[in-house]
Amino acid sequence: MNIRKSLIAVALALFALAAPAQAAQQMMCSPDVAGGVQGPRRVVNTASTASPQPAYQLNSLGCAVIAQADVGFFAAQGFSQASSQNTILFTTGTLPASGTADIVGPSIPAGAYIQQIIWNNTTANAVTGGMSVGTTANGTDVVAAQALAANALVFTTDALLLKRVFSLTAATPLHFAPVTSSNTANLTITIIYGYF
């Protein structure tokens, strides 16, 4: 099993160099297929209503970079993330024109820590005062104020990431809120986490 994990890590590093770039994505690997084809093959999200349905070419270890919209389908098929680092993808949708409304986001699993948070503001509107992240509505215990300029692609620095470690026994929901005003921004947030 350790040899397989080592081979997966090497293959993922090489595959990441050749993988096409897409926003909001996760590297996922297929489960072992008893009596079936292992390794490279083409897989299709048959639950998608898009035309054509999204298709992915798996590498020699059965892994591919999967777009956010298709992650749930592949997880239901037994695919799993391929490394000790995991990601949570969260898209806010278009935020209100003004205000500091609390946005309930994803939960950090029990026994997990946040390694980093990456923010992509896909609009030409800056979030006035930045975004806060907390474990309660409009909380600031995780990030007090992450600056988000128009069309920004930034990460929360170690100095701004105030809380990384959460509960050992229960998932912890995260709350996101504009500090002053959201200005109809639309954010894709990637939370990279691991287990301790």
C-alpha atoms as a PDB file:
ATOM      1  CA  MET A   1       0.000   0.000   0.000  1.00  0.00           C
ATOM      2  CA  ASN A   2       2.888   2.407   0.816  1.00  0.00           C
ATOM      3  CA  ILE A   3       4.483   1.689  -2.555  1.00  0.00           C
ATOM      4  CA  ARG A   4       1.171   2.546  -4.277  1.00  0.00           C
ATOM      5  CA  LYS A   5       0.933   5.830  -2.319  1.00  0.00           C
ATOM      6  CA  SER A   6       4.535   6.710  -3.256  1.00  0.00           C
ATOM      7  CA  LEU A   7       3.853   5.953  -6.906  1.00  0.00           C
ATOM      8  CA  ILE A   8       0.653   8.017  -6.761  1.00  0.00           C
ATOM      9  CA  ALA A   9       2.539  10.981  -5.264  1.00  0.00           C
ATOM     10  CA  VAL A  10       5.184  10.859  -8.032  1.00  0.00           C
ATOM     11  CA  ALA A  11       2.573  10.402 -10.758  1.00  0.00           C
ATOM     12  CA  LEU A  12       0.456  13.244  -9.403  1.00  0.00           C
ATOM     13  CA  ALA A  13       3.403  15.605  -9.424  1.00  0.00           C
ATOM     14  CA  LEU A  14       4.136  14.720 -13.051  1.00  0.00           C
ATOM     15  CA  PHE A  15       0.454  14.729 -14.004  1.00  0.00           C
ATOM     16  CA  ALA A  16      -0.085  18.169 -12.442  1.00  0.00           C
ATOM     17  CA  LEU A  17       2.522  19.605 -14.803  1.00  0.00           C
ATOM     18  CA  ALA A  18       0.649  18.292 -17.840  1.00  0.00           C
ATOM     19  CA  ALA A  19      -2.934  18.721 -16.589  1.00  0.00           C
ATOM     20  CA  PRO A  20      -5.052  21.422 -18.203  1.00  0.00           C
ATOM     21  CA  ALA A  21      -5.730  24.372 -15.901  1.00  0.00           C
ATOM     22  CA  GLN A  22      -9.274  24.862 -14.650  1.00  0.00           C
ATOM     23  CA  ALA A  23     -10.661  26.948 -11.842  1.00  0.00           C
ATOM     24  CA  ALA A  24     -11.868  25.205  -8.677  1.00  0.00           C
ATOM     25  CA  GLN A  25     -10.643  21.648  -9.078  1.00  0.00           C
ATOM     26  CA  GLN A  26      -9.472  18.612  -7.125  1.00  0.00           C
ATOM     27  CA  MET A  27      -7.119  15.783  -7.995  1.00  0.00           C
ATOM     28  CA  MET A  28      -9.140  12.586  -7.464  1.00  0.00           C
ATOM     29  CA  CYS A  29      -8.284   8.921  -7.960  1.00  0.00           C
ATOM     30  CA  SER A  30     -10.576   6.044  -8.827  1.00  0.00           C
ATOM     31  CA  PRO A  31     -11.091   3.111  -6.502  1.00  0.00           C
ATOM     32  CA  ASP A  32      -9.610  -0.262  -7.411  1.00  0.00           C
ATOM     33  CA  VAL A  33     -11.819  -1.987  -9.945  1.00  0.00           C
ATOM     34  CA  ALA A  34     -12.100  -5.707  -9.200  1.00  0.00           C
ATOM     35  CA  GLY A  35     -11.633  -7.519 -12.480  1.00  0.00           C
ATOM     36  CA  GLY A  36     -11.889  -4.215 -14.344  1.00  0.00           C
ATOM     37  CA  VAL A  37      -9.550  -1.839 -16.084  1.00  0.00           C
ATOM     38  CA  GLN A  38      -6.975  -0.231 -13.780  1.00  0.00           C
ATOM     39  CA  GLY A  39      -5.059   2.841 -14.838  1.00  0.00           C
ATOM     40  CA  PRO A  40      -5.697   5.109 -17.788  1.00  0.00           C
ATOM     41  CA  ARG A  41      -9.209   5.320 -19.122  1.00  0.00           C
ATOM     42  CA  ARG A  42     -11.863   7.872 -19.995  1.00  0.00           C
ATOM     43  CA  VAL A  43     -14.642   8.502 -17.460  1.00  0.00           C
ATOM     44  CA  VAL A  44     -17.818  10.544 -17.949  1.00  0.00           C
ATOM     45  CA  ASN A  45     -20.063  12.307 -15.442  1.00  0.00           C
ATOM     46  CA  THR A  46     -23.260  10.573 -16.533  1.00  0.00           C
ATOM     47  CA  ALA A  47     -25.319  12.558 -13.991  1.00  0.00           C
ATOM     48  CA  SER A  48     -24.499  15.877 -15.660  1.00  0.00           C
ATOM     49  CA  THR A  49     -27.159  17.619 -17.730  1.00  0.00           C
ATOM     50  CA  ALA A  50     -24.467  19.446 -19.725  1.00  0.00           C
ATOM     51  CA  SER A  51     -24.109  18.601 -23.365  1.00  0.00           C
ATOM     52  CA  PRO A  52     -21.672  17.054 -23.939  1.00  0.00           C
ATOM     53  CA  GLN A  53     -21.350  15.492 -20.488  1.00  0.00           C
ATOM     54  CA  PRO A  54     -18.011  16.286 -18.780  1.00  0.00           C
ATOM     55  CA  ALA A  55     -15.375  13.635 -19.499  1.00  0.00           C
ATOM     56  CA  TYR A  56     -11.970  13.097 -17.923  1.00  0.00           C
ATOM     57  CA  GLN A  57      -8.945  11.099 -18.993  1.00  0.00           C
ATOM     58  CA  LEU A  58      -7.477   9.249 -15.991  1.00  0.00           C
ATOM     59  CA  ASN A  59      -3.704   8.893 -15.828  1.00  0.00           C
ATOM     60  CA  SER A  60      -1.892   5.556 -15.401  1.00  0.00           C
ATOM     61  CA  LEU A  61      -2.789   5.465 -11.690  1.00  0.00           C
ATOM     62  CA  GLY A  62      -6.469   6.208 -12.285  1.00  0.00           C
ATOM     63  CA  CYS A  63      -6.297   9.896 -11.262  1.00  0.00           C
ATOM     64  CA  ALA A  64      -7.490  13.120 -12.913  1.00  0.00           C
ATOM     65  CA  VAL A  65      -8.029  16.771 -12.075  1.00  0.00           C
ATOM     66  CA  ILE A  66     -11.816  17.041 -11.597  1.00  0.00           C
ATOM     67  CA  ALA A  67     -13.744  20.322 -11.909  1.00  0.00           C
ATOM     68  CA  GLN A  68     -15.707  21.483  -8.860  1.00  0.00           C
ATOM     69  CA  ALA A  69     -19.073  20.869 -10.517  1.00  0.00           C
ATOM     70  CA  ASP A  70     -18.182  17.180 -11.008  1.00  0.00           C
ATOM     71  CA  VAL A  71     -16.463  16.405  -7.677  1.00  0.00           C
ATOM     72  CA  GLY A  72     -19.680  15.217  -5.983  1.00  0.00           C
ATOM     73  CA  PHE A  73     -20.465  12.758  -8.777  1.00  0.00           C
ATOM     74  CA  PHE A  74     -16.979  11.241  -8.707  1.00  0.00           C
ATOM     75  CA  ALA A  75     -16.955  11.051  -4.887  1.00  0.00           C
ATOM     76  CA  ALA A  76     -20.227   9.100  -5.100  1.00  0.00           C
ATOM     77  CA  GLN A  77     -18.506   6.691  -7.523  1.00  0.00           C
ATOM     78  CA  GLY A  78     -15.798   5.971  -4.938  1.00  0.00           C
ATOM     79  CA  PHE A  79     -13.165   8.401  -6.184  1.00  0.00           C
ATOM     80  CA  SER A  80     -11.088  10.000  -3.424  1.00  0.00           C
ATOM     81  CA  GLN A  81      -8.586  12.794  -3.122  1.00  0.00           C
ATOM     82  CA  ALA A  82      -5.098  11.676  -3.898  1.00  0.00           C
ATOM     83  CA  SER A  83      -2.938  13.201  -1.177  1.00  0.00           C
ATOM     84  CA  SER A  84      -2.658  13.874   2.537  1.00  0.00           C
ATOM     85  CA  GLN A  85      -3.676  17.421   1.716  1.00  0.00           C
ATOM     86  CA  ASN A  86      -7.329  17.851   0.923  1.00  0.00           C
ATOM     87  CA  THR A  87      -9.262  20.776  -0.476  1.00  0.00           C
ATOM     88  CA  ILE A  88     -12.673  22.230   0.092  1.00  0.00           C
ATOM     89  CA  LEU A  89     -14.031  24.299  -2.781  1.00  0.00           C
ATOM     90  CA  PHE A  90     -16.643  26.913  -2.024  1.00  0.00           C
ATOM     91  CA  THR A  91     -18.200  29.428  -4.403  1.00  0.00           C
ATOM     92  CA  THR A  92     -20.249  32.209  -2.830  1.00  0.00           C
ATOM     93  CA  GLY A  93     -22.218  33.156  -5.911  1.00  0.00           C
ATOM     94  CA  THR A  94     -22.900  36.835  -6.511  1.00  0.00           C
ATOM     95  CA  LEU A  95     -22.950  38.572  -3.165  1.00  0.00           C
ATOM     96  CA  PRO A  96     -25.409  41.378  -2.325  1.00  0.00           C
ATOM     97  CA  ALA A  97     -24.614  44.877  -3.560  1.00  0.00           C
ATOM     98  CA  SER A  98     -23.979  46.068  -0.015  1.00  0.00           C
ATOM     99  CA  GLY A  99     -23.916  44.872   3.553  1.00  0.00           C
ATOM    100  CA  THR A 100     -22.108  42.362   5.725  1.00  0.00           C
ATOM    101  CA  ALA A 101     -24.440  39.371   5.513  1.00  0.00           C
ATOM    102  CA  ASP A 102     -23.082  36.156   7.011  1.00  0.00           C
ATOM    103  CA  ILE A 103     -22.447  33.349   4.514  1.00  0.00           C
ATOM    104  CA  VAL A 104     -22.443  29.867   6.014  1.00  0.00           C
ATOM    105  CA  GLY A 105     -19.733  27.965   4.223  1.00  0.00           C
ATOM    106  CA  PRO A 106     -18.320  24.450   4.342  1.00  0.00           C
ATOM    107  CA  SER A 107     -17.235  22.687   7.522  1.00  0.00           C
ATOM    108  CA  ILE A 108     -13.715  21.723   8.519  1.00  0.00           C
ATOM    109  CA  PRO A 109     -13.801  17.979   9.347  1.00  0.00           C
ATOM    110  CA  ALA A 110     -13.113  16.746  12.878  1.00  0.00           C
ATOM    111  CA  GLY A 111      -9.393  16.440  13.571  1.00  0.00           C
ATOM    112  CA  ALA A 112      -8.402  18.723  10.692  1.00  0.00           C
ATOM    113  CA  TYR A 113      -6.340  21.893  10.428  1.00  0.00           C
ATOM    114  CA  ILE A 114      -6.294  24.626   7.795  1.00  0.00           C
ATOM    115  CA  GLN A 115      -3.024  24.877   5.903  1.00  0.00           C
ATOM    116  CA  GLN A 116      -4.057  27.835   3.747  1.00  0.00           C
ATOM    117  CA  ILE A 117      -6.957  29.656   2.128  1.00  0.00           C
ATOM    118  CA  ILE A 118      -6.871  30.811  -1.500  1.00  0.00           C
ATOM    119  CA  TRP A 119      -9.343  33.442  -2.715  1.00  0.00           C
ATOM    120  CA  ASN A 120     -10.423  34.243  -6.280  1.00  0.00           C
ATOM    121  CA  ASN A 121     -12.650  37.286  -6.767  1.00  0.00           C
ATOM    122  CA  THR A 122     -14.060  36.749 -10.255  1.00  0.00           C
ATOM    123  CA  THR A 123     -15.586  40.214 -10.568  1.00  0.00           C
ATOM    124  CA  ALA A 124     -14.266  43.733 -11.124  1.00  0.00           C
ATOM    125  CA  ASN A 125     -15.641  44.714  -7.701  1.00  0.00           C
ATOM    126  CA  ALA A 126     -13.419  44.864  -4.618  1.00  0.00           C
ATOM    127  CA  VAL A 127     -14.824  43.636  -1.308  1.00  0.00           C
ATOM    128  CA  THR A 128     -14.699  46.751   0.873  1.00  0.00           C
ATOM    129  CA  GLY A 129     -12.857  46.056   4.120  1.00  0.00           C
ATOM    130  CA  GLY A 130     -12.010  42.496   3.019  1.00  0.00           C
ATOM    131  CA  MET A 131     -13.605  39.206   4.082  1.00  0.00           C
ATOM    132  CA  SER A 132     -13.682  37.725   7.552  1.00  0.00           C
ATOM    133  CA  VAL A 133     -13.821  34.023   8.377  1.00  0.00           C
ATOM    134  CA  GLY A 134     -15.057  32.710  11.691  1.00  0.00           C
ATOM    135  CA  THR A 135     -16.580  29.733  13.448  1.00  0.00           C
ATOM    136  CA  THR A 136     -19.724  31.749  14.274  1.00  0.00           C
ATOM    137  CA  ALA A 137     -21.886  34.169  12.275  1.00  0.00           C
ATOM    138  CA  ASN A 138     -19.817  37.213  11.256  1.00  0.00           C
ATOM    139  CA  GLY A 139     -16.942  35.787  13.320  1.00  0.00           C
ATOM    140  CA  THR A 140     -13.336  36.865  12.918  1.00  0.00           C
ATOM    141  CA  ASP A 141     -11.523  34.129  14.858  1.00  0.00           C
ATOM    142  CA  VAL A 142     -10.101  32.411  11.735  1.00  0.00           C
ATOM    143  CA  VAL A 143      -9.386  35.447   9.496  1.00  0.00           C
ATOM    144  CA  ALA A 144     -10.141  38.993  10.679  1.00  0.00           C
ATOM    145  CA  ALA A 145     -10.008  40.717   7.271  1.00  0.00           C
ATOM    146  CA  GLN A 146      -8.599  39.271   4.037  1.00  0.00           C
ATOM    147  CA  ALA A 147      -8.160  42.057   1.477  1.00  0.00           C
ATOM    148  CA  LEU A 148      -9.909  41.221  -1.815  1.00  0.00           C
ATOM    149  CA  ALA A 149      -9.346  43.655  -4.635  1.00  0.00           C
ATOM    150  CA  ALA A 150     -11.214  43.515  -7.930  1.00  0.00           C
ATOM    151  CA  ASN A 151     -10.304  40.385  -9.937  1.00  0.00           C
ATOM    152  CA  ALA A 152      -8.025  39.286  -7.087  1.00  0.00           C
ATOM    153  CA  LEU A 153      -6.310  35.930  -6.792  1.00  0.00           C
ATOM    154  CA  VAL A 154      -4.681  35.904  -3.348  1.00  0.00           C
ATOM    155  CA  PHE A 155      -3.984  33.657  -0.361  1.00  0.00           C
ATOM    156  CA  THR A 156      -4.313  34.294   3.332  1.00  0.00           C
ATOM    157  CA  THR A 157      -0.822  34.690   4.761  1.00  0.00           C
ATOM    158  CA  ASP A 158       0.258  32.873   7.907  1.00  0.00           C
ATOM    159  CA  ALA A 159       0.093  36.178   9.810  1.00  0.00           C
ATOM    160  CA  LEU A 160      -3.584  36.641   8.849  1.00  0.00           C
ATOM    161  CA  LEU A 161      -4.626  33.022   9.490  1.00  0.00           C
ATOM    162  CA  LEU A 162      -5.509  33.387  13.181  1.00  0.00           C
ATOM    163  CA  LYS A 163      -6.928  29.911  13.838  1.00  0.00           C
ATOM    164  CA  ARG A 164      -5.882  26.711  12.096  1.00  0.00           C
ATOM    165  CA  VAL A 165      -6.840  23.878  14.475  1.00  0.00           C
ATOM    166  CA  PHE A 166     -10.448  22.922  15.220  1.00  0.00           C
ATOM    167  CA  SER A 167     -12.394  20.232  17.065  1.00  0.00           C
ATOM    168  CA  LEU A 168     -11.129  16.665  17.399  1.00  0.00           C
ATOM    169  CA  THR A 169     -14.673  15.297  17.663  1.00  0.00           C
ATOM    170  CA  ALA A 170     -16.976  17.360  15.444  1.00  0.00           C
ATOM    171  CA  ALA A 171     -16.934  19.173  12.113  1.00  0.00           C
ATOM    172  CA  THR A 172     -16.658  22.961  12.487  1.00  0.00           C
ATOM    173  CA  PRO A 173     -18.723  25.124  10.102  1.00  0.00           C
ATOM    174  CA  LEU A 174     -17.007  28.204   8.716  1.00  0.00           C
ATOM    175  CA  HIS A 175     -18.757  31.542   8.249  1.00  0.00           C
ATOM    176  CA  PHE A 176     -17.660  34.141   5.707  1.00  0.00           C
ATOM    177  CA  ALA A 177     -18.674  37.818   5.776  1.00  0.00           C
ATOM    178  CA  PRO A 178     -17.644  41.056   4.091  1.00  0.00           C
ATOM    179  CA  VAL A 179     -16.156  43.354   6.742  1.00  0.00           C
ATOM    180  CA  THR A 180     -17.741  46.502   5.256  1.00  0.00           C
ATOM    181  CA  SER A 181     -19.505  45.701   1.969  1.00  0.00           C
ATOM    182  CA  SER A 182     -19.479  42.879  -0.571  1.00  0.00           C
ATOM    183  CA  ASN A 183     -20.160  45.068  -3.651  1.00  0.00           C
ATOM    184  CA  THR A 184     -21.666  42.145  -5.646  1.00  0.00           C
ATOM    185  CA  ALA A 185     -18.361  40.267  -5.698  1.00  0.00           C
ATOM    186  CA  ASN A 186     -18.372  36.563  -6.573  1.00  0.00           C
ATOM    187  CA  LEU A 187     -15.748  34.503  -4.751  1.00  0.00           C
ATOM    188  CA  THR A 188     -14.322  31.043  -5.233  1.00  0.00           C
ATOM    189  CA  ILE A 189     -12.566  29.993  -2.038  1.00  0.00           C
ATOM    190  CA  THR A 190     -10.189  27.029  -1.800  1.00  0.00           C
ATOM    191  CA  ILE A 191      -9.409  25.786   1.695  1.00  0.00           C
ATOM    192  CA  ILE A 192      -6.417  23.439   1.842  1.00  0.00           C
ATOM    193  CA  TYR A 193      -6.470  21.266   4.951  1.00  0.00           C
ATOM    194  CA  GLY A 194      -4.966  18.153   6.459  1.00  0.00           C
ATOM    195  CA  TYR A 195      -5.490  15.931   9.479  1.00  0.00           C
ATOM    196  CA  PHE A 196      -3.538  15.929  12.729  1.00  0.00           C
END
